[in-house]
Amino acid sequence: MHWTRAVRFLGWAIAVLATVVPVAALAWEQRHGLPGGIVPIPTPRQRVILARTFAVAAGTAVLATIVAIPAILTLAQARSAAARWLILSLTLLPLLAPPCVYGYAWMLLSSPQHVAGRVLNAVGLNADGAAGVRAAIAMSAWLWPIPALLIVAAYRHGGRAAERLALLDASRGRALLRATLPAMSSSIAGAALLVFVLALNESTIAPLVLARTWPSEVGPELLDAALYGSRSRAILWMSWPVIAAAVTAIAAAWPSLTRARAAFESDASADLGRQERPRPALCHLFVFALAALIATAAPAIFVLDLARARVAIGPAVERALTLYRHEWQASLAVASLSMLATALVMFATFRADRSTLVHRLLVRGLLALAVVTALLPPELTAELLVFICNRPGLLGRLYDETPLVWTLGVLARFILVPLAAAVLLSSRVPIDLVRQARADGAATPPAMLRAIWPHVLPVSAAAALLVGCLALSEVPASLILTPARYGGPIAVALDNQMHYGRNADVIVSTLILMLPAMVGATGAAALVLLAGRIRRESVPVRTLDRRG
């Protein structure tokens, strides 16, 4: 059918524009070599900032793994569908909210007007020398869902089997230390390294907690320095230590993530432990309450601050929506376009037929480029798109008058989500179902899609929701790529206002901004669980087909 070919072509075009074009522009820009006025060797001041940035990122990786423990225990022990949906929604919520929310929550919490602020003063966390610790704590409050999700997946697809075997002749503590944790060590290391990489490029939390890191200090200096001739080259040559650290971390994590993916694709241990003795109810409720408290700490701080100040919520909401009306309209438009683009990329790159070598190579190549665009500083990717589009003609009009280039910059950061989902989904659709559909005459892609759509649709919708929420929360690239006529994205507007301190309108607007994250988290959790249920229910059918 012609429409399917057109849609697939559009999806491939979006994937290429968001991955190949920025990387190609980066390579093309380097033909001139080192830009004038740039010294690639860091100065003593920059070395101090780099050391602090690496220390904050490492501390964030450790703290995020520790903070994730209650959610890991709750996700691993949840039995009912409602419990799994609730804790998975709470786990996804921090990751989908804007990062600056957690820096602002710390700013409000550390105020001397709060009891918590006086306690933080007493223990020294509000001192100038503890800025790195504050940044690591605030970043870990945002990034802990990554180790939680990866470690739980590793437990269900390997760790649980090792634990069950070890419990035959060892206590629970020894089984944990000698069998369960070693079986999940690759996933734990991979999750920590991923958190390290994301913390390296985070630029909105550190200024709110009065910490000086590389993205928040050196990045603005480079963007303001027009004398370099090429901002993208200036960012690349000055930020090479951060980029090199991120590449090294991903290279170190890659074998671990590959082993974790292989275990995820294997069904050998996915359903083990269903008859496992449940934890005591009181202990389970305590761990669940602790996980829920960690997940909702930031919005709880905002609500308590408004209640303490006795702010009238109705007028505050009305003022917030009025003040940021144009920003909301522009941000929702970009989020909607990002969700549509995600669905198109998923439709184009997903193939149930795992025997097509050319298709696999193309998708893996795009996936590798998506990793590169995710690793690069977002300011660098945005400046590369400015270099391409800021010129007379059609490209210039698209850049100045539409949100398309802005959307493309957001997709360049997050297109890893649909591409990775397509790769994982292609290995999770039951191969016997594909063979049966072919035997029934589903030879064309549309007919095949109709046969397997229950497996594809929930994951595709979940990926679209995740990317849409992340697009609403994006700040660095949006700050550069937003056309002047749109007035700026809502996350950038709120991030700018947060630096002025406590403001009821800003707090209310921040809570409103978290509503899409709540919707996205609950919707994505429901869709992921639905996909798992559909796949589990298809197992008996595959078994009967194989026997027949």
Protein backbone atom coordinates (compact mmCIF):
# COMPACT_ATOMS: atom_id res chain seq x y z
CA MET A 1 0.00 0.00 0.00
CA HIS A 2 1.26 3.44 -0.94
CA TRP A 3 0.37 5.10 2.36
CA THR A 4 2.49 2.68 4.36
CA ARG A 5 5.46 3.32 2.11
CA ALA A 6 4.97 7.06 2.47
CA VAL A 7 4.72 6.81 6.27
CA ARG A 8 7.80 4.59 6.45
CA PHE A 9 9.74 6.98 4.23
CA LEU A 10 8.75 9.88 6.49
CA GLY A 11 9.84 7.94 9.58
CA TRP A 12 13.20 7.06 8.05
CA ALA A 13 13.65 10.70 6.97
CA ILE A 14 13.03 11.93 10.53
CA ALA A 15 15.47 9.38 11.96
CA VAL A 16 18.15 10.42 9.47
CA LEU A 17 17.59 14.14 10.08
CA ALA A 18 17.84 13.70 13.85
CA THR A 19 20.95 11.47 13.82
CA VAL A 20 22.93 11.57 10.57
CA VAL A 21 22.59 15.29 9.87
CA PRO A 22 23.96 16.61 13.23
CA VAL A 23 26.85 14.14 13.21
CA ALA A 24 27.66 14.94 9.57
CA ALA A 25 27.52 18.67 10.33
CA LEU A 26 29.86 18.13 13.28
CA ALA A 27 32.38 16.33 11.06
CA TRP A 28 32.04 19.01 8.34
CA GLU A 29 32.62 21.82 10.83
CA GLN A 30 35.95 20.32 11.90
CA ARG A 31 37.49 20.76 8.47
CA HIS A 32 38.74 24.18 9.59
CA GLY A 33 40.51 22.74 12.62
CA LEU A 34 40.93 24.57 15.89
CA PRO A 35 38.93 27.85 15.99
CA GLY A 36 40.80 31.05 16.67
CA GLY A 37 41.02 32.15 20.27
CA ILE A 38 40.38 28.66 21.66
CA VAL A 39 42.99 26.86 23.76
CA PRO A 40 41.96 23.20 24.11
CA ILE A 41 44.10 22.70 27.22
CA PRO A 42 41.94 23.62 30.24
CA THR A 43 43.09 26.51 32.37
CA PRO A 44 43.63 26.00 36.14
CA ARG A 45 40.14 27.40 36.81
CA GLN A 46 38.61 25.09 34.19
CA ARG A 47 40.47 22.10 35.62
CA VAL A 48 38.91 22.79 39.01
CA ILE A 49 35.45 22.97 37.41
CA LEU A 50 36.11 19.75 35.45
CA ALA A 51 37.21 17.91 38.59
CA ARG A 52 34.10 19.12 40.41
CA THR A 53 31.90 18.07 37.47
CA PHE A 54 33.35 14.54 37.41
CA ALA A 55 33.01 14.29 41.21
CA VAL A 56 29.38 15.42 41.09
CA ALA A 57 28.59 12.95 38.29
CA ALA A 58 30.26 10.09 40.18
CA GLY A 59 28.48 11.02 43.39
CA THR A 60 25.19 11.20 41.52
CA ALA A 61 25.71 7.68 40.15
CA VAL A 62 26.34 6.29 43.63
CA LEU A 63 23.52 8.19 45.33
CA ALA A 64 21.01 7.41 42.56
CA THR A 65 21.70 3.68 42.97
CA ILE A 66 21.24 3.94 46.75
CA VAL A 67 18.08 6.06 46.48
CA ALA A 68 16.63 3.52 44.01
CA ILE A 69 16.80 0.63 46.53
CA PRO A 70 13.24 1.05 47.93
CA ALA A 71 11.76 1.21 44.43
CA ILE A 72 13.83 -1.81 43.37
CA LEU A 73 12.56 -3.86 46.31
CA THR A 74 8.97 -2.79 45.71
CA LEU A 75 9.05 -3.43 41.97
CA ALA A 76 10.67 -6.82 42.46
CA GLN A 77 8.13 -7.94 45.08
CA ALA A 78 4.94 -6.44 43.58
CA ARG A 79 2.42 -9.13 42.71
CA SER A 80 -0.85 -7.49 41.69
CA ALA A 81 -1.19 -5.55 38.44
CA ALA A 82 -2.39 -2.45 40.30
CA ALA A 83 0.65 -2.47 42.60
CA ARG A 84 3.05 -2.88 39.67
CA TRP A 85 1.35 -0.07 37.77
CA LEU A 86 1.45 2.30 40.74
CA ILE A 87 5.09 1.78 41.66
CA LEU A 88 6.18 1.84 38.00
CA SER A 89 4.32 5.13 37.52
CA LEU A 90 6.01 6.59 40.59
CA THR A 91 9.37 5.37 39.32
CA LEU A 92 8.95 7.00 35.90
CA LEU A 93 7.69 10.31 37.30
CA PRO A 94 11.02 11.88 38.37
CA LEU A 95 12.67 11.02 35.06
CA LEU A 96 9.94 12.74 33.03
CA ALA A 97 9.80 15.92 35.13
CA PRO A 98 12.11 18.85 34.27
CA PRO A 99 15.50 18.47 36.00
CA CYS A 100 15.34 22.05 37.26
CA VAL A 101 12.37 21.02 39.42
CA TYR A 102 14.71 19.16 41.76
CA GLY A 103 17.17 22.02 42.01
CA TYR A 104 14.30 24.39 42.81
CA ALA A 105 12.89 21.98 45.40
CA TRP A 106 16.29 21.94 47.12
CA MET A 107 16.42 25.75 47.00
CA LEU A 108 13.05 25.99 48.77
CA LEU A 109 13.88 23.20 51.23
CA SER A 110 17.20 24.77 52.24
CA SER A 111 15.67 28.14 53.02
CA PRO A 112 16.28 29.25 56.66
CA GLN A 113 12.53 29.74 56.97
CA HIS A 114 12.08 25.94 56.93
CA VAL A 115 13.04 23.58 59.73
CA ALA A 116 14.79 21.46 57.10
CA GLY A 117 16.84 24.48 56.06
CA ARG A 118 18.03 25.06 59.60
CA VAL A 119 18.95 21.38 59.89
CA LEU A 120 20.90 21.56 56.63
CA ASN A 121 22.71 24.64 57.94
CA ALA A 122 23.60 22.79 61.12
CA VAL A 123 25.08 19.80 59.28
CA GLY A 124 26.95 22.02 56.80
CA LEU A 125 25.10 21.12 53.59
CA ASN A 126 24.27 24.78 52.92
CA ALA A 127 27.94 25.81 53.12
CA ASP A 128 29.80 26.92 50.00
CA GLY A 129 32.11 23.94 50.20
CA ALA A 130 29.19 21.50 50.05
CA ALA A 131 27.92 22.75 46.68
CA GLY A 132 29.00 19.56 44.91
CA VAL A 133 27.20 17.41 47.48
CA ARG A 134 24.01 19.44 47.02
CA ALA A 135 24.23 19.05 43.25
CA ALA A 136 24.77 15.29 43.53
CA ILE A 137 21.78 14.90 45.87
CA ALA A 138 19.49 16.96 43.63
CA MET A 139 20.61 15.12 40.48
CA SER A 140 20.17 11.73 42.14
CA ALA A 141 16.57 12.72 42.99
CA TRP A 142 16.04 13.12 39.23
CA LEU A 143 18.04 10.16 37.87
CA TRP A 144 17.38 7.33 40.35
CA PRO A 145 14.69 5.74 38.10
CA ILE A 146 17.41 4.61 35.67
CA PRO A 147 19.17 2.21 38.08
CA ALA A 148 15.80 1.21 39.52
CA LEU A 149 14.40 0.10 36.15
CA LEU A 150 17.58 -1.54 34.87
CA ILE A 151 18.29 -3.44 38.09
CA VAL A 152 14.70 -4.68 38.39
CA ALA A 153 14.81 -5.88 34.78
CA ALA A 154 18.09 -7.67 35.53
CA TYR A 155 16.56 -9.27 38.63
CA ARG A 156 13.54 -10.57 36.74
CA HIS A 157 15.64 -11.87 33.83
CA GLY A 158 18.54 -13.51 35.67
CA GLY A 159 18.94 -12.38 39.26
CA ARG A 160 15.79 -14.10 40.46
CA ALA A 161 16.87 -17.46 39.01
CA ALA A 162 20.28 -17.17 40.71
CA GLU A 163 18.59 -16.26 43.99
CA ARG A 164 16.20 -19.22 43.85
CA LEU A 165 19.05 -21.63 43.27
CA ALA A 166 21.22 -20.12 46.02
CA LEU A 167 18.39 -20.27 48.56
CA LEU A 168 18.43 -24.06 48.33
CA ASP A 169 21.52 -24.23 50.55
CA ALA A 170 22.15 -20.68 51.84
CA SER A 171 20.47 -17.99 53.87
CA ARG A 172 18.78 -15.06 52.16
CA GLY A 173 21.67 -12.72 53.00
CA ARG A 174 24.30 -15.06 51.60
CA ALA A 175 22.18 -15.73 48.52
CA LEU A 176 21.97 -11.99 47.92
CA LEU A 177 25.72 -11.42 48.27
CA ARG A 178 26.98 -14.56 46.54
CA ALA A 179 24.42 -15.13 43.79
CA THR A 180 21.86 -12.36 43.19
CA LEU A 181 24.16 -9.34 43.15
CA PRO A 182 26.89 -11.03 41.04
CA ALA A 183 24.23 -12.09 38.53
CA MET A 184 23.09 -8.46 38.24
CA SER A 185 26.51 -6.81 38.47
CA SER A 186 26.64 -5.92 34.78
CA SER A 187 23.28 -4.15 34.94
CA ILE A 188 24.23 -2.31 38.14
CA ALA A 189 27.48 -1.10 36.58
CA GLY A 190 25.76 -0.14 33.34
CA ALA A 191 23.06 1.81 35.19
CA ALA A 192 25.64 3.70 37.27
CA LEU A 193 27.62 4.62 34.17
CA LEU A 194 24.49 5.83 32.38
CA VAL A 195 23.65 8.07 35.33
CA PHE A 196 27.25 9.35 35.28
CA VAL A 197 26.94 10.31 31.60
CA LEU A 198 23.60 12.09 32.04
CA ALA A 199 24.87 13.99 35.07
CA LEU A 200 27.89 15.23 33.09
CA ASN A 201 25.70 17.22 30.67
CA GLU A 202 23.06 18.48 33.12
CA SER A 203 23.13 22.28 33.22
CA THR A 204 19.97 23.38 35.06
CA ILE A 205 20.27 21.81 38.52
CA ALA A 206 23.75 22.98 39.50
CA PRO A 207 23.07 26.77 39.32
CA LEU A 208 19.93 26.39 41.46
CA VAL A 209 21.93 24.74 44.26
CA LEU A 210 24.81 27.21 43.82
CA ALA A 211 27.23 24.66 42.39
CA ARG A 212 29.63 25.43 39.55
CA THR A 213 29.92 22.62 37.03
CA TRP A 214 31.15 22.52 33.45
CA PRO A 215 27.76 22.72 31.64
CA SER A 216 26.53 25.58 33.82
CA GLU A 217 29.78 27.61 33.85
CA VAL A 218 31.74 27.07 30.64
CA GLY A 219 28.80 26.44 28.32
CA PRO A 220 27.29 29.95 28.63
CA GLU A 221 30.74 31.51 28.20
CA LEU A 222 31.14 29.74 24.86
CA LEU A 223 27.64 30.62 23.67
CA ASP A 224 28.31 34.30 24.42
CA ALA A 225 31.67 34.35 22.65
CA ALA A 226 30.88 35.31 19.06
CA LEU A 227 34.57 36.01 18.33
CA TYR A 228 35.27 32.30 17.91
CA GLY A 229 33.59 32.32 14.50
CA SER A 230 31.92 28.95 15.04
CA ARG A 231 30.17 28.29 18.32
CA SER A 232 29.79 24.59 17.61
CA ARG A 233 33.54 24.20 17.06
CA ALA A 234 34.24 26.26 20.17
CA ILE A 235 31.94 24.04 22.27
CA LEU A 236 33.49 20.86 20.88
CA TRP A 237 37.12 21.88 21.39
CA MET A 238 36.52 23.33 24.85
CA SER A 239 34.26 20.51 26.04
CA TRP A 240 36.40 17.64 24.79
CA PRO A 241 37.26 16.43 28.35
CA VAL A 242 33.55 16.05 29.19
CA ILE A 243 32.80 14.38 25.85
CA ALA A 244 35.79 12.05 26.26
CA ALA A 245 34.63 11.10 29.77
CA ALA A 246 31.11 10.39 28.47
CA VAL A 247 32.42 8.27 25.58
CA THR A 248 34.69 6.34 27.94
CA ALA A 249 31.81 5.68 30.33
CA ILE A 250 29.54 4.45 27.53
CA ALA A 251 32.31 2.26 26.14
CA ALA A 252 32.80 0.76 29.59
CA ALA A 253 29.06 0.27 30.04
CA TRP A 254 28.43 -1.17 26.58
CA PRO A 255 29.40 -4.80 27.35
CA SER A 256 27.31 -4.69 30.52
CA LEU A 257 24.32 -3.28 28.69
CA THR A 258 24.74 -5.85 25.91
CA ARG A 259 24.70 -8.70 28.44
CA ALA A 260 21.69 -7.18 30.16
CA ARG A 261 19.88 -6.90 26.82
CA ALA A 262 20.68 -10.54 26.00
CA ALA A 263 19.24 -11.59 29.35
CA PHE A 264 16.19 -9.40 28.75
CA GLU A 265 15.55 -11.03 25.38
CA SER A 266 15.79 -14.49 26.92
CA ASP A 267 12.63 -15.84 28.49
CA ALA A 268 14.41 -18.57 30.44
CA SER A 269 14.02 -16.87 33.80
CA ALA A 270 11.45 -14.18 33.18
CA ASP A 271 8.63 -15.94 34.99
CA LEU A 272 10.54 -17.66 37.78
CA GLY A 273 9.73 -16.92 41.36
CA ARG A 274 5.98 -16.46 41.02
CA GLN A 275 5.47 -18.89 43.88
CA GLU A 276 8.08 -17.11 46.00
CA ARG A 277 7.06 -16.55 49.60
CA PRO A 278 5.82 -12.95 49.91
CA ARG A 279 7.45 -10.49 52.28
CA PRO A 280 5.68 -9.62 55.53
CA ALA A 281 2.91 -7.14 54.80
CA LEU A 282 4.18 -4.48 57.21
CA CYS A 283 7.70 -4.57 55.78
CA HIS A 284 6.38 -4.41 52.22
CA LEU A 285 4.13 -1.44 53.03
CA PHE A 286 7.03 0.40 54.68
CA VAL A 287 9.29 -0.07 51.66
CA PHE A 288 6.49 0.97 49.30
CA ALA A 289 5.80 4.10 51.36
CA LEU A 290 9.50 4.97 51.32
CA ALA A 291 9.66 4.54 47.54
CA ALA A 292 6.54 6.67 47.07
CA LEU A 293 7.98 9.37 49.35
CA ILE A 294 11.20 9.51 47.34
CA ALA A 295 9.30 9.71 44.04
CA THR A 296 6.97 12.49 45.17
CA ALA A 297 9.42 14.48 47.31
CA ALA A 298 9.70 17.45 44.95
CA PRO A 299 5.96 18.08 44.39
CA ALA A 300 5.39 17.49 48.11
CA ILE A 301 7.90 20.24 48.94
CA PHE A 302 6.10 22.63 46.58
CA VAL A 303 2.66 21.84 48.03
CA LEU A 304 3.89 22.23 51.61
CA ASP A 305 5.55 25.55 50.74
CA LEU A 306 2.31 26.87 49.24
CA ALA A 307 0.33 25.65 52.25
CA ARG A 308 2.76 27.27 54.67
CA ALA A 309 2.46 30.60 52.82
CA ARG A 310 -1.34 30.21 52.65
CA VAL A 311 -1.43 30.91 48.93
CA ALA A 312 -4.87 30.98 47.28
CA ILE A 313 -4.51 28.17 44.75
CA GLY A 314 -7.27 29.23 42.33
CA PRO A 315 -5.99 32.76 41.61
CA ALA A 316 -2.39 31.47 41.55
CA VAL A 317 -3.26 28.87 38.90
CA GLU A 318 -5.10 31.48 36.85
CA ARG A 319 -2.14 33.88 37.03
CA ALA A 320 0.33 31.12 36.14
CA LEU A 321 -1.64 30.04 33.08
CA THR A 322 -2.04 33.66 31.98
CA LEU A 323 1.61 34.60 32.46
CA TYR A 324 2.95 31.59 30.55
CA ARG A 325 0.15 31.14 28.00
CA HIS A 326 2.37 31.57 24.92
CA GLU A 327 5.11 29.35 26.36
CA TRP A 328 2.61 26.57 27.07
CA GLN A 329 1.22 26.76 23.54
CA ALA A 330 4.66 26.53 21.94
CA SER A 331 5.87 23.75 24.26
CA LEU A 332 2.75 21.64 23.77
CA ALA A 333 3.09 22.04 20.00
CA VAL A 334 6.68 20.79 20.07
CA ALA A 335 5.77 17.95 22.45
CA SER A 336 2.95 16.88 20.11
CA LEU A 337 5.25 17.00 17.08
CA SER A 338 7.86 14.99 18.99
CA MET A 339 5.28 12.33 19.88
CA LEU A 340 4.16 12.11 16.25
CA ALA A 341 7.75 11.86 15.06
CA THR A 342 8.43 9.11 17.62
CA ALA A 343 5.47 7.09 16.35
CA LEU A 344 6.65 7.51 12.75
CA VAL A 345 10.21 6.45 13.61
CA MET A 346 8.90 3.39 15.46
CA PHE A 347 6.66 2.47 12.51
CA ALA A 348 9.53 2.87 10.04
CA THR A 349 12.29 1.08 11.92
CA PHE A 350 10.34 -1.77 13.53
CA ARG A 351 10.31 -5.02 11.59
CA ALA A 352 8.90 -8.27 12.88
CA ASP A 353 11.07 -10.14 10.36
CA ARG A 354 14.40 -10.51 12.16
CA SER A 355 16.08 -12.10 9.15
CA THR A 356 16.50 -8.90 7.09
CA LEU A 357 20.21 -8.16 7.42
CA VAL A 358 20.13 -4.80 5.61
CA HIS A 359 17.34 -3.49 7.79
CA ARG A 360 19.12 -4.59 10.96
CA LEU A 361 22.33 -2.89 9.88
CA LEU A 362 20.49 0.35 9.07
CA VAL A 363 18.69 0.42 12.40
CA ARG A 364 21.84 -0.43 14.35
CA GLY A 365 23.71 2.31 12.49
CA LEU A 366 21.03 4.87 13.35
CA LEU A 367 21.05 3.60 16.93
CA ALA A 368 24.81 4.15 17.17
CA LEU A 369 24.42 7.70 15.82
CA ALA A 370 21.57 8.29 18.28
CA VAL A 371 23.95 7.35 21.10
CA VAL A 372 26.41 9.94 19.73
CA THR A 373 23.78 12.71 19.61
CA ALA A 374 22.66 11.79 23.14
CA LEU A 375 26.26 11.97 24.38
CA LEU A 376 27.07 15.34 22.84
CA PRO A 377 26.37 18.45 24.90
CA PRO A 378 22.85 19.57 23.90
CA GLU A 379 24.15 23.07 23.21
CA LEU A 380 26.52 21.60 20.64
CA THR A 381 23.75 19.72 18.82
CA ALA A 382 21.59 22.86 18.82
CA GLU A 383 24.40 25.01 17.43
CA LEU A 384 25.00 22.46 14.67
CA LEU A 385 21.36 22.77 13.62
CA VAL A 386 21.70 26.56 13.72
CA PHE A 387 24.75 26.25 11.47
CA ILE A 388 22.71 24.20 8.98
CA CYS A 389 19.42 26.11 9.03
CA ASN A 390 20.26 29.74 9.80
CA ARG A 391 20.61 30.87 6.20
CA PRO A 392 18.45 32.55 3.52
CA GLY A 393 15.79 30.48 1.79
CA LEU A 394 13.51 27.66 2.84
CA LEU A 395 15.72 26.41 5.65
CA GLY A 396 15.91 29.88 7.15
CA ARG A 397 12.12 30.27 7.06
CA LEU A 398 11.65 26.86 8.68
CA TYR A 399 14.08 27.92 11.41
CA ASP A 400 12.64 31.40 12.00
CA GLU A 401 8.91 30.84 11.46
CA THR A 402 8.13 27.26 12.50
CA PRO A 403 8.94 24.99 15.46
CA LEU A 404 10.25 22.25 13.15
CA VAL A 405 13.97 22.87 13.71
CA TRP A 406 13.30 23.23 17.44
CA THR A 407 11.51 19.87 17.37
CA LEU A 408 14.40 18.34 15.43
CA GLY A 409 16.85 19.51 18.11
CA VAL A 410 14.71 17.92 20.81
CA LEU A 411 14.45 14.69 18.80
CA ALA A 412 18.22 14.58 18.35
CA ARG A 413 18.51 14.30 22.14
CA PHE A 414 15.77 11.73 22.66
CA ILE A 415 15.49 9.73 19.43
CA LEU A 416 17.45 7.01 21.19
CA VAL A 417 14.16 6.10 22.94
CA PRO A 418 12.14 5.04 19.85
CA LEU A 419 15.13 3.43 18.13
CA ALA A 420 16.04 1.37 21.19
CA ALA A 421 12.38 0.48 21.68
CA ALA A 422 12.12 -0.68 18.06
CA VAL A 423 15.22 -2.89 18.43
CA LEU A 424 13.97 -4.44 21.68
CA LEU A 425 10.44 -4.83 20.36
CA SER A 426 11.60 -6.68 17.25
CA SER A 427 13.16 -9.29 19.51
CA ARG A 428 10.15 -9.51 21.82
CA VAL A 429 7.37 -10.14 19.30
CA PRO A 430 6.76 -13.92 19.29
CA ILE A 431 8.42 -15.37 16.21
CA ASP A 432 5.79 -18.13 16.01
CA LEU A 433 3.11 -15.45 15.73
CA VAL A 434 4.99 -13.93 12.80
CA ARG A 435 5.31 -17.31 11.11
CA GLN A 436 1.62 -18.05 11.65
CA ALA A 437 0.67 -14.67 10.16
CA ARG A 438 2.79 -15.42 7.10
CA ALA A 439 1.18 -18.84 6.77
CA ASP A 440 -2.21 -17.12 6.86
CA GLY A 441 -1.21 -14.86 3.96
CA ALA A 442 0.12 -11.75 5.74
CA ALA A 443 2.88 -11.17 3.20
CA THR A 444 2.79 -7.35 3.06
CA PRO A 445 3.90 -5.03 5.89
CA PRO A 446 0.36 -3.67 6.52
CA ALA A 447 -1.07 -7.19 6.81
CA MET A 448 1.76 -8.24 9.09
CA LEU A 449 1.24 -5.13 11.22
CA ARG A 450 -2.45 -5.93 11.62
CA ALA A 451 -1.52 -9.41 12.82
CA ILE A 452 0.97 -8.26 15.47
CA TRP A 453 -0.39 -4.82 16.38
CA PRO A 454 -1.39 -5.83 19.95
CA HIS A 455 2.33 -6.37 20.66
CA VAL A 456 3.49 -3.21 18.86
CA LEU A 457 0.93 -0.55 19.73
CA PRO A 458 1.38 -0.37 23.55
CA VAL A 459 5.17 -0.06 23.35
CA SER A 460 4.97 2.52 20.55
CA ALA A 461 2.45 4.60 22.48
CA ALA A 462 4.59 4.37 25.63
CA ALA A 463 7.68 5.55 23.70
CA ALA A 464 5.69 8.47 22.25
CA LEU A 465 4.46 9.48 25.71
CA LEU A 466 7.97 9.35 27.13
CA VAL A 467 9.46 11.48 24.35
CA GLY A 468 6.58 13.97 24.57
CA CYS A 469 7.16 14.47 28.29
CA LEU A 470 10.92 14.75 27.81
CA ALA A 471 10.33 17.37 25.09
CA LEU A 472 8.30 19.47 27.53
CA SER A 473 11.16 19.29 30.03
CA GLU A 474 14.04 20.04 27.64
CA VAL A 475 15.94 23.26 28.33
CA PRO A 476 19.46 23.61 26.76
CA ALA A 477 18.62 22.91 23.10
CA SER A 478 15.24 24.67 23.32
CA LEU A 479 16.95 27.78 24.69
CA ILE A 480 18.96 28.07 21.45
CA LEU A 481 16.51 26.81 18.83
CA THR A 482 13.23 28.44 19.85
CA PRO A 483 12.06 30.98 17.21
CA ALA A 484 11.65 34.50 18.58
CA ARG A 485 7.98 34.65 17.65
CA TYR A 486 7.15 31.77 20.01
CA GLY A 487 8.32 33.45 23.21
CA GLY A 488 10.27 30.50 24.57
CA PRO A 489 9.42 27.06 25.96
CA ILE A 490 7.74 26.72 29.34
CA ALA A 491 10.64 24.80 30.91
CA VAL A 492 13.10 27.57 29.94
CA ALA A 493 10.77 30.31 31.22
CA LEU A 494 10.33 28.59 34.58
CA ASP A 495 14.05 27.79 34.87
CA ASN A 496 14.84 31.47 34.40
CA GLN A 497 12.31 32.52 37.05
CA MET A 498 13.46 29.89 39.57
CA HIS A 499 16.78 31.67 40.04
CA TYR A 500 15.01 34.66 41.63
CA GLY A 501 13.96 32.55 44.62
CA ARG A 502 10.56 31.71 46.04
CA ASN A 503 7.57 32.85 44.00
CA ALA A 504 4.07 31.42 44.34
CA ASP A 505 3.32 31.76 40.62
CA VAL A 506 6.53 29.93 39.71
CA ILE A 507 5.79 27.16 42.22
CA VAL A 508 2.25 26.72 40.90
CA SER A 509 3.51 26.76 37.30
CA THR A 510 6.09 24.12 38.21
CA LEU A 511 3.37 21.91 39.68
CA ILE A 512 1.30 22.39 36.52
CA LEU A 513 4.35 21.45 34.45
CA MET A 514 4.60 18.22 36.44
CA LEU A 515 1.05 17.23 35.47
CA PRO A 516 2.08 16.10 31.95
CA ALA A 517 4.90 14.11 33.56
CA MET A 518 2.35 12.43 35.84
CA VAL A 519 0.09 11.64 32.89
CA GLY A 520 3.03 10.36 30.87
CA ALA A 521 4.35 8.23 33.72
CA THR A 522 1.00 6.61 34.51
CA GLY A 523 0.14 6.11 30.84
CA ALA A 524 3.55 4.69 29.91
CA ALA A 525 3.49 2.35 32.93
CA ALA A 526 0.04 1.06 31.98
CA LEU A 527 1.07 0.52 28.35
CA VAL A 528 4.30 -1.28 29.28
CA LEU A 529 2.44 -3.61 31.65
CA LEU A 530 -0.22 -4.18 28.99
CA ALA A 531 2.47 -5.15 26.49
CA GLY A 532 3.96 -7.60 28.99
CA ARG A 533 0.54 -9.12 29.67
CA ILE A 534 -0.17 -9.55 25.96
CA ARG A 535 3.16 -11.23 25.45
CA ARG A 536 2.71 -13.58 28.41
CA GLU A 537 -0.73 -14.59 27.17
CA SER A 538 0.75 -15.47 23.78
CA VAL A 539 3.22 -17.99 25.28
CA PRO A 540 0.76 -20.92 25.49
CA VAL A 541 -0.21 -20.34 21.87
CA ARG A 542 3.43 -20.53 20.80
CA THR A 543 3.94 -23.69 22.83
CA LEU A 544 0.95 -25.41 21.20
CA ASP A 545 2.10 -24.31 17.74
CA ARG A 546 5.58 -25.70 18.38
CA ARG A 547 4.20 -29.03 19.55
CA GLY A 548 1.86 -29.25 16.64
